[in-house]
Amino acid sequence: MISHTGEKPFSCALCGKRFSLKGDLWALDTHMRVHTGEKPFSCSVCGQRFSRKSTQKTHMRIHTGEKPYSCSVCGKSFRQPKKKHKHMTSHTGEKPFDCTVCGKKFGFKEHLQTHMRLHTGEKPFSCSVCNKNYRERGALVRHMKVHTGEKPFSCSVCGKSFGEKVDLKRHMRVHTGEKPFSCSFCEKRFSEKGNLKKHMRLHTGETPYSCSVCGRGFYCLSNIKRHKCAGESSSK
């Protein structure tokens, strides 16, 4: 009857959070591990430990490669149902969460929360080595490889290693000759998006870099570094 009445008779003695079912997955016994740090479930492959059996089960799919949740539109598979649900918004275009500051829309609440840190300046994820702070956990994880030197992604052609999969993907274009980014004005193609962006300024006339002495504008940073201003020597 508790499930029908919404009654939550069991409460945590440490934080006061209340629960309806004492033995259920989300109940008091499982919740207490948040406070005790107990992680009774371990991965038989890598030894990583977990407080919930369901989390351990999901983790095991990293090793087995199992992806039981597939998209009904494009067939892409996922290890977790929430990952599949997130992916589905790429097909539906649904973005129900709005930023109250700039109006930008998001498909998921956590994406909005991360975005809001651009406005608040909050950087809750801190490096334990150099204390550098980040807005996103993923950015911190990537940064930590600077300290550990970890480069788990290697090129199958030349053997060069990279810390991030996206960097390996970009590098592979050196071997394949792929140039997926094209100019909408002259159709010149580029292997990197940044190079296309720089090239586009030749057409638009945009000069985001300017000399602090003579005020001359430049479309790329390397050009202003090479620039030798006549007024520079006279101002000394």
C-alpha atoms as a PDB file:
ATOM      1  CA  MET A   1       0.000   0.000   0.000  1.00  0.00           C
ATOM      2  CA  ILE A   2       2.986   2.321   0.609  1.00  0.00           C
ATOM      3  CA  SER A   3       3.623   2.472  -3.150  1.00  0.00           C
ATOM      4  CA  HIS A   4       0.070   3.783  -3.655  1.00  0.00           C
ATOM      5  CA  THR A   5      -0.020   6.265  -0.779  1.00  0.00           C
ATOM      6  CA  GLY A   6       3.435   7.733  -1.447  1.00  0.00           C
ATOM      7  CA  GLU A   7       4.342   7.242   2.203  1.00  0.00           C
ATOM      8  CA  LYS A   8       8.103   7.201   2.961  1.00  0.00           C
ATOM      9  CA  PRO A   9       8.499   5.828   6.483  1.00  0.00           C
ATOM     10  CA  PHE A  10      12.249   5.051   6.295  1.00  0.00           C
ATOM     11  CA  SER A  11      14.718   7.911   6.735  1.00  0.00           C
ATOM     12  CA  CYS A  12      18.500   8.205   6.621  1.00  0.00           C
ATOM     13  CA  ALA A  13      19.914   9.026  10.058  1.00  0.00           C
ATOM     14  CA  LEU A  14      22.721  11.086   8.484  1.00  0.00           C
ATOM     15  CA  CYS A  15      21.052  13.293   5.861  1.00  0.00           C
ATOM     16  CA  GLY A  16      17.333  12.769   6.518  1.00  0.00           C
ATOM     17  CA  LYS A  17      16.487  11.525   3.019  1.00  0.00           C
ATOM     18  CA  ARG A  18      13.328   9.397   3.110  1.00  0.00           C
ATOM     19  CA  PHE A  19      12.486   6.103   1.382  1.00  0.00           C
ATOM     20  CA  SER A  20       9.329   4.113   0.796  1.00  0.00           C
ATOM     21  CA  LEU A  21      10.794   0.603   0.584  1.00  0.00           C
ATOM     22  CA  LYS A  22      13.558  -0.591   2.875  1.00  0.00           C
ATOM     23  CA  GLY A  23      14.772  -3.436   0.661  1.00  0.00           C
ATOM     24  CA  ASP A  24      14.263  -1.862  -2.764  1.00  0.00           C
ATOM     25  CA  LEU A  25      17.175  -0.887  -5.091  1.00  0.00           C
ATOM     26  CA  TRP A  26      16.826   2.786  -4.270  1.00  0.00           C
ATOM     27  CA  ALA A  27      16.049   2.182  -0.613  1.00  0.00           C
ATOM     28  CA  LEU A  28      17.752   3.046   2.627  1.00  0.00           C
ATOM     29  CA  ASP A  29      20.267   0.174   2.715  1.00  0.00           C
ATOM     30  CA  THR A  30      21.691   1.079  -0.688  1.00  0.00           C
ATOM     31  CA  HIS A  31      21.588   4.814   0.040  1.00  0.00           C
ATOM     32  CA  MET A  32      23.708   4.401   3.200  1.00  0.00           C
ATOM     33  CA  ARG A  33      26.669   3.425   1.012  1.00  0.00           C
ATOM     34  CA  VAL A  34      26.812   7.063  -0.132  1.00  0.00           C
ATOM     35  CA  HIS A  35      27.846   7.942   3.424  1.00  0.00           C
ATOM     36  CA  THR A  36      29.888   4.844   4.322  1.00  0.00           C
ATOM     37  CA  GLY A  37      31.728   4.597   1.002  1.00  0.00           C
ATOM     38  CA  GLU A  38      31.028   0.868   0.916  1.00  0.00           C
ATOM     39  CA  LYS A  39      31.416  -0.683  -2.546  1.00  0.00           C
ATOM     40  CA  PRO A  40      30.602  -4.389  -2.248  1.00  0.00           C
ATOM     41  CA  PHE A  41      30.399  -5.110  -5.995  1.00  0.00           C
ATOM     42  CA  SER A  42      33.606  -5.446  -7.990  1.00  0.00           C
ATOM     43  CA  CYS A  43      34.462  -5.924 -11.654  1.00  0.00           C
ATOM     44  CA  SER A  44      36.006  -9.338 -12.288  1.00  0.00           C
ATOM     45  CA  VAL A  45      38.099  -7.920 -15.156  1.00  0.00           C
ATOM     46  CA  CYS A  46      39.644  -4.650 -13.917  1.00  0.00           C
ATOM     47  CA  GLY A  47      38.793  -4.737 -10.213  1.00  0.00           C
ATOM     48  CA  GLN A  48      36.875  -1.449 -10.137  1.00  0.00           C
ATOM     49  CA  ARG A  49      34.370  -1.427  -7.290  1.00  0.00           C
ATOM     50  CA  PHE A  50      30.772  -0.207  -7.154  1.00  0.00           C
ATOM     51  CA  SER A  51      28.141   0.550  -4.515  1.00  0.00           C
ATOM     52  CA  ARG A  52      25.307  -0.830  -6.688  1.00  0.00           C
ATOM     53  CA  LYS A  53      25.047  -4.127  -8.493  1.00  0.00           C
ATOM     54  CA  SER A  54      23.261  -2.433 -11.401  1.00  0.00           C
ATOM     55  CA  THR A  55      26.213  -0.067 -11.874  1.00  0.00           C
ATOM     56  CA  GLN A  56      28.604  -3.012 -11.888  1.00  0.00           C
ATOM     57  CA  LYS A  57      26.457  -4.769 -14.492  1.00  0.00           C
ATOM     58  CA  THR A  58      26.490  -1.688 -16.727  1.00  0.00           C
ATOM     59  CA  HIS A  59      30.257  -1.317 -16.278  1.00  0.00           C
ATOM     60  CA  MET A  60      30.882  -4.924 -17.378  1.00  0.00           C
ATOM     61  CA  ARG A  61      29.551  -4.026 -20.828  1.00  0.00           C
ATOM     62  CA  ILE A  62      32.683  -1.926 -21.359  1.00  0.00           C
ATOM     63  CA  HIS A  63      34.666  -5.168 -21.267  1.00  0.00           C
ATOM     64  CA  THR A  64      32.172  -7.426 -23.058  1.00  0.00           C
ATOM     65  CA  GLY A  65      31.256  -4.854 -25.699  1.00  0.00           C
ATOM     66  CA  GLU A  66      27.570  -5.561 -25.098  1.00  0.00           C
ATOM     67  CA  LYS A  67      25.237  -2.754 -26.201  1.00  0.00           C
ATOM     68  CA  PRO A  68      21.686  -4.023 -25.645  1.00  0.00           C
ATOM     69  CA  TYR A  69      19.867  -0.733 -26.264  1.00  0.00           C
ATOM     70  CA  SER A  70      19.535   0.230 -29.927  1.00  0.00           C
ATOM     71  CA  CYS A  71      18.037   3.247 -31.691  1.00  0.00           C
ATOM     72  CA  SER A  72      14.884   2.382 -33.647  1.00  0.00           C
ATOM     73  CA  VAL A  73      15.703   5.066 -36.225  1.00  0.00           C
ATOM     74  CA  CYS A  74      19.383   4.538 -37.154  1.00  0.00           C
ATOM     75  CA  GLY A  75      20.214   1.297 -35.339  1.00  0.00           C
ATOM     76  CA  LYS A  76      23.055   2.741 -33.243  1.00  0.00           C
ATOM     77  CA  SER A  77      23.541   0.726 -30.037  1.00  0.00           C
ATOM     78  CA  PHE A  78      24.260   1.822 -26.476  1.00  0.00           C
ATOM     79  CA  ARG A  79      25.349   0.265 -23.189  1.00  0.00           C
ATOM     80  CA  GLN A  80      22.864   2.273 -21.118  1.00  0.00           C
ATOM     81  CA  PRO A  81      19.207   3.183 -21.739  1.00  0.00           C
ATOM     82  CA  LYS A  82      19.828   6.819 -20.752  1.00  0.00           C
ATOM     83  CA  LYS A  83      22.525   7.069 -23.455  1.00  0.00           C
ATOM     84  CA  LYS A  84      20.022   5.786 -26.002  1.00  0.00           C
ATOM     85  CA  HIS A  85      17.415   8.284 -24.760  1.00  0.00           C
ATOM     86  CA  LYS A  86      19.903  11.143 -25.143  1.00  0.00           C
ATOM     87  CA  HIS A  87      20.757   9.980 -28.634  1.00  0.00           C
ATOM     88  CA  MET A  88      17.099   9.947 -29.683  1.00  0.00           C
ATOM     89  CA  THR A  89      16.932  13.739 -29.338  1.00  0.00           C
ATOM     90  CA  SER A  90      19.290  13.960 -32.336  1.00  0.00           C
ATOM     91  CA  HIS A  91      16.430  12.533 -34.387  1.00  0.00           C
ATOM     92  CA  THR A  92      13.506  14.302 -32.724  1.00  0.00           C
ATOM     93  CA  GLY A  93      15.248  17.647 -32.225  1.00  0.00           C
ATOM     94  CA  GLU A  94      13.448  18.023 -28.894  1.00  0.00           C
ATOM     95  CA  LYS A  95      15.031  20.664 -26.627  1.00  0.00           C
ATOM     96  CA  PRO A  96      12.720  21.368 -23.687  1.00  0.00           C
ATOM     97  CA  PHE A  97      15.284  23.059 -21.393  1.00  0.00           C
ATOM     98  CA  ASP A  98      15.953  26.800 -21.923  1.00  0.00           C
ATOM     99  CA  CYS A  99      18.748  28.968 -20.552  1.00  0.00           C
ATOM    100  CA  THR A 100      17.192  31.870 -18.640  1.00  0.00           C
ATOM    101  CA  VAL A 101      20.162  34.111 -19.483  1.00  0.00           C
ATOM    102  CA  CYS A 102      20.756  33.695 -23.237  1.00  0.00           C
ATOM    103  CA  GLY A 103      17.798  31.567 -24.313  1.00  0.00           C
ATOM    104  CA  LYS A 104      19.844  28.670 -25.703  1.00  0.00           C
ATOM    105  CA  LYS A 105      17.896  25.396 -25.687  1.00  0.00           C
ATOM    106  CA  PHE A 106      19.011  21.935 -24.572  1.00  0.00           C
ATOM    107  CA  GLY A 107      17.677  18.428 -24.869  1.00  0.00           C
ATOM    108  CA  PHE A 108      18.709  17.474 -21.336  1.00  0.00           C
ATOM    109  CA  LYS A 109      18.663  19.186 -17.969  1.00  0.00           C
ATOM    110  CA  GLU A 110      22.284  18.252 -17.174  1.00  0.00           C
ATOM    111  CA  HIS A 111      23.418  19.901 -20.412  1.00  0.00           C
ATOM    112  CA  LEU A 112      21.641  23.090 -19.370  1.00  0.00           C
ATOM    113  CA  GLN A 113      23.264  22.890 -15.922  1.00  0.00           C
ATOM    114  CA  THR A 114      26.699  22.602 -17.518  1.00  0.00           C
ATOM    115  CA  HIS A 115      25.923  25.494 -19.877  1.00  0.00           C
ATOM    116  CA  MET A 116      24.821  27.735 -16.997  1.00  0.00           C
ATOM    117  CA  ARG A 117      28.386  27.622 -15.664  1.00  0.00           C
ATOM    118  CA  LEU A 118      29.410  29.752 -18.665  1.00  0.00           C
ATOM    119  CA  HIS A 119      27.256  32.514 -17.184  1.00  0.00           C
ATOM    120  CA  THR A 120      28.019  31.929 -13.493  1.00  0.00           C
ATOM    121  CA  GLY A 121      31.734  31.212 -13.953  1.00  0.00           C
ATOM    122  CA  GLU A 122      31.423  28.159 -11.715  1.00  0.00           C
ATOM    123  CA  LYS A 123      34.169  25.542 -12.194  1.00  0.00           C
ATOM    124  CA  PRO A 124      33.434  22.743  -9.718  1.00  0.00           C
ATOM    125  CA  PHE A 125      35.907  20.163 -11.061  1.00  0.00           C
ATOM    126  CA  SER A 126      39.443  20.661  -9.767  1.00  0.00           C
ATOM    127  CA  CYS A 127      42.720  18.951 -10.707  1.00  0.00           C
ATOM    128  CA  SER A 128      44.278  17.241  -7.676  1.00  0.00           C
ATOM    129  CA  VAL A 129      47.781  17.859  -9.069  1.00  0.00           C
ATOM    130  CA  CYS A 130      47.845  21.520 -10.180  1.00  0.00           C
ATOM    131  CA  ASN A 131      44.476  22.745  -8.818  1.00  0.00           C
ATOM    132  CA  LYS A 132      43.301  23.954 -12.233  1.00  0.00           C
ATOM    133  CA  ASN A 133      39.498  24.144 -12.323  1.00  0.00           C
ATOM    134  CA  TYR A 134      37.029  23.109 -15.022  1.00  0.00           C
ATOM    135  CA  ARG A 135      33.354  23.545 -15.773  1.00  0.00           C
ATOM    136  CA  GLU A 136      32.942  19.968 -17.003  1.00  0.00           C
ATOM    137  CA  ARG A 137      34.064  16.633 -15.582  1.00  0.00           C
ATOM    138  CA  GLY A 138      35.078  15.466 -19.054  1.00  0.00           C
ATOM    139  CA  ALA A 139      37.437  18.425 -19.426  1.00  0.00           C
ATOM    140  CA  LEU A 140      39.093  17.509 -16.121  1.00  0.00           C
ATOM    141  CA  VAL A 141      39.496  13.879 -17.235  1.00  0.00           C
ATOM    142  CA  ARG A 142      41.174  15.055 -20.452  1.00  0.00           C
ATOM    143  CA  HIS A 143      43.413  17.442 -18.512  1.00  0.00           C
ATOM    144  CA  MET A 144      44.601  14.727 -16.108  1.00  0.00           C
ATOM    145  CA  LYS A 145      46.283  12.954 -19.040  1.00  0.00           C
ATOM    146  CA  VAL A 146      48.705  15.900 -19.151  1.00  0.00           C
ATOM    147  CA  HIS A 147      49.977  14.784 -15.745  1.00  0.00           C
ATOM    148  CA  THR A 148      49.746  11.020 -16.250  1.00  0.00           C
ATOM    149  CA  GLY A 149      51.097  11.066 -19.820  1.00  0.00           C
ATOM    150  CA  GLU A 150      48.407   8.562 -20.750  1.00  0.00           C
ATOM    151  CA  LYS A 151      47.908   8.212 -24.520  1.00  0.00           C
ATOM    152  CA  PRO A 152      45.630   5.203 -25.031  1.00  0.00           C
ATOM    153  CA  PHE A 153      44.723   5.914 -28.676  1.00  0.00           C
ATOM    154  CA  SER A 154      47.368   4.949 -31.233  1.00  0.00           C
ATOM    155  CA  CYS A 155      47.500   5.281 -35.017  1.00  0.00           C
ATOM    156  CA  SER A 156      47.362   1.932 -36.818  1.00  0.00           C
ATOM    157  CA  VAL A 157      49.464   3.361 -39.669  1.00  0.00           C
ATOM    158  CA  CYS A 158      52.393   5.171 -38.026  1.00  0.00           C
ATOM    159  CA  GLY A 159      51.989   4.219 -34.362  1.00  0.00           C
ATOM    160  CA  LYS A 160      51.700   7.792 -33.040  1.00  0.00           C
ATOM    161  CA  SER A 161      49.713   7.906 -29.791  1.00  0.00           C
ATOM    162  CA  PHE A 162      47.088  10.370 -28.583  1.00  0.00           C
ATOM    163  CA  GLY A 163      45.358  11.147 -25.325  1.00  0.00           C
ATOM    164  CA  GLU A 164      41.961  11.644 -26.939  1.00  0.00           C
ATOM    165  CA  LYS A 165      40.064   9.646 -29.558  1.00  0.00           C
ATOM    166  CA  VAL A 166      39.088  12.854 -31.363  1.00  0.00           C
ATOM    167  CA  ASP A 167      42.789  13.734 -31.792  1.00  0.00           C
ATOM    168  CA  LEU A 168      43.489  10.321 -33.306  1.00  0.00           C
ATOM    169  CA  LYS A 169      40.543  10.759 -35.685  1.00  0.00           C
ATOM    170  CA  ARG A 170      41.911  14.145 -36.770  1.00  0.00           C
ATOM    171  CA  HIS A 171      45.404  12.684 -37.237  1.00  0.00           C
ATOM    172  CA  MET A 172      44.141   9.826 -39.416  1.00  0.00           C
ATOM    173  CA  ARG A 173      43.242  12.378 -42.089  1.00  0.00           C
ATOM    174  CA  VAL A 174      46.987  12.857 -42.641  1.00  0.00           C
ATOM    175  CA  HIS A 175      47.077   9.275 -43.916  1.00  0.00           C
ATOM    176  CA  THR A 176      43.685   9.090 -45.629  1.00  0.00           C
ATOM    177  CA  GLY A 177      43.803  12.554 -47.197  1.00  0.00           C
ATOM    178  CA  GLU A 178      40.225  13.135 -46.056  1.00  0.00           C
ATOM    179  CA  LYS A 179      39.130  16.781 -46.048  1.00  0.00           C
ATOM    180  CA  PRO A 180      35.554  16.869 -44.701  1.00  0.00           C
ATOM    181  CA  PHE A 181      35.304  20.656 -44.239  1.00  0.00           C
ATOM    182  CA  SER A 182      34.620  22.748 -47.344  1.00  0.00           C
ATOM    183  CA  CYS A 183      34.383  26.518 -47.962  1.00  0.00           C
ATOM    184  CA  SER A 184      30.907  27.673 -48.969  1.00  0.00           C
ATOM    185  CA  PHE A 185      32.431  30.450 -51.113  1.00  0.00           C
ATOM    186  CA  CYS A 186      35.185  28.782 -53.143  1.00  0.00           C
ATOM    187  CA  GLU A 187      34.694  25.095 -52.210  1.00  0.00           C
ATOM    188  CA  LYS A 188      38.291  24.710 -51.023  1.00  0.00           C
ATOM    189  CA  ARG A 189      38.484  21.765 -48.635  1.00  0.00           C
ATOM    190  CA  PHE A 190      40.229  21.322 -45.295  1.00  0.00           C
ATOM    191  CA  SER A 191      41.067  18.444 -42.979  1.00  0.00           C
ATOM    192  CA  GLU A 192      40.406  20.516 -39.825  1.00  0.00           C
ATOM    193  CA  LYS A 193      37.480  22.751 -38.929  1.00  0.00           C
ATOM    194  CA  GLY A 194      39.806  25.377 -37.436  1.00  0.00           C
ATOM    195  CA  ASN A 195      41.628  25.795 -40.736  1.00  0.00           C
ATOM    196  CA  LEU A 196      38.317  26.268 -42.562  1.00  0.00           C
ATOM    197  CA  LYS A 197      37.268  28.912 -40.029  1.00  0.00           C
ATOM    198  CA  LYS A 198      40.557  30.760 -40.568  1.00  0.00           C
ATOM    199  CA  HIS A 199      40.182  30.522 -44.360  1.00  0.00           C
ATOM    200  CA  MET A 200      36.618  31.880 -44.276  1.00  0.00           C
ATOM    201  CA  ARG A 201      37.977  35.189 -42.950  1.00  0.00           C
ATOM    202  CA  LEU A 202      39.633  35.762 -46.333  1.00  0.00           C
ATOM    203  CA  HIS A 203      36.117  35.936 -47.797  1.00  0.00           C
ATOM    204  CA  THR A 204      34.338  37.734 -44.953  1.00  0.00           C
ATOM    205  CA  GLY A 205      37.156  40.211 -44.261  1.00  0.00           C
ATOM    206  CA  GLU A 206      36.998  39.444 -40.532  1.00  0.00           C
ATOM    207  CA  THR A 207      40.215  40.416 -38.701  1.00  0.00           C
ATOM    208  CA  PRO A 208      39.863  39.363 -35.054  1.00  0.00           C
ATOM    209  CA  TYR A 209      43.536  40.011 -34.219  1.00  0.00           C
ATOM    210  CA  SER A 210      44.811  43.605 -34.195  1.00  0.00           C
ATOM    211  CA  CYS A 211      48.172  45.277 -33.525  1.00  0.00           C
ATOM    212  CA  SER A 212      48.147  47.230 -30.254  1.00  0.00           C
ATOM    213  CA  VAL A 213      50.523  49.824 -31.756  1.00  0.00           C
ATOM    214  CA  CYS A 214      49.158  50.643 -35.226  1.00  0.00           C
ATOM    215  CA  GLY A 215      45.744  49.014 -35.022  1.00  0.00           C
ATOM    216  CA  ARG A 216      46.197  46.947 -38.174  1.00  0.00           C
ATOM    217  CA  GLY A 217      43.936  43.895 -38.242  1.00  0.00           C
ATOM    218  CA  PHE A 218      44.854  40.315 -39.123  1.00  0.00           C
ATOM    219  CA  TYR A 219      42.755  37.284 -39.923  1.00  0.00           C
ATOM    220  CA  CYS A 220      45.021  34.780 -38.141  1.00  0.00           C
ATOM    221  CA  LEU A 221      47.235  34.822 -35.059  1.00  0.00           C
ATOM    222  CA  SER A 222      50.402  33.723 -36.902  1.00  0.00           C
ATOM    223  CA  ASN A 223      50.232  36.814 -39.139  1.00  0.00           C
ATOM    224  CA  ILE A 224      50.140  39.258 -36.244  1.00  0.00           C
ATOM    225  CA  LYS A 225      53.096  37.457 -34.644  1.00  0.00           C
ATOM    226  CA  ARG A 226      55.102  37.980 -37.843  1.00  0.00           C
ATOM    227  CA  HIS A 227      53.945  41.611 -38.123  1.00  0.00           C
ATOM    228  CA  LYS A 228      56.708  44.183 -37.487  1.00  0.00           C
ATOM    229  CA  CYS A 229      55.127  47.510 -36.757  1.00  0.00           C
ATOM    230  CA  ALA A 230      57.064  50.689 -37.619  1.00  0.00           C
ATOM    231  CA  GLY A 231      55.383  52.473 -34.752  1.00  0.00           C
ATOM    232  CA  GLU A 232      56.689  49.873 -32.305  1.00  0.00           C
ATOM    233  CA  SER A 233      60.297  51.111 -32.422  1.00  0.00           C
ATOM    234  CA  SER A 234      59.308  54.806 -32.323  1.00  0.00           C
ATOM    235  CA  SER A 235      57.137  54.228 -29.246  1.00  0.00           C
ATOM    236  CA  LYS A 236      60.071  52.838 -27.255  1.00  0.00           C
END
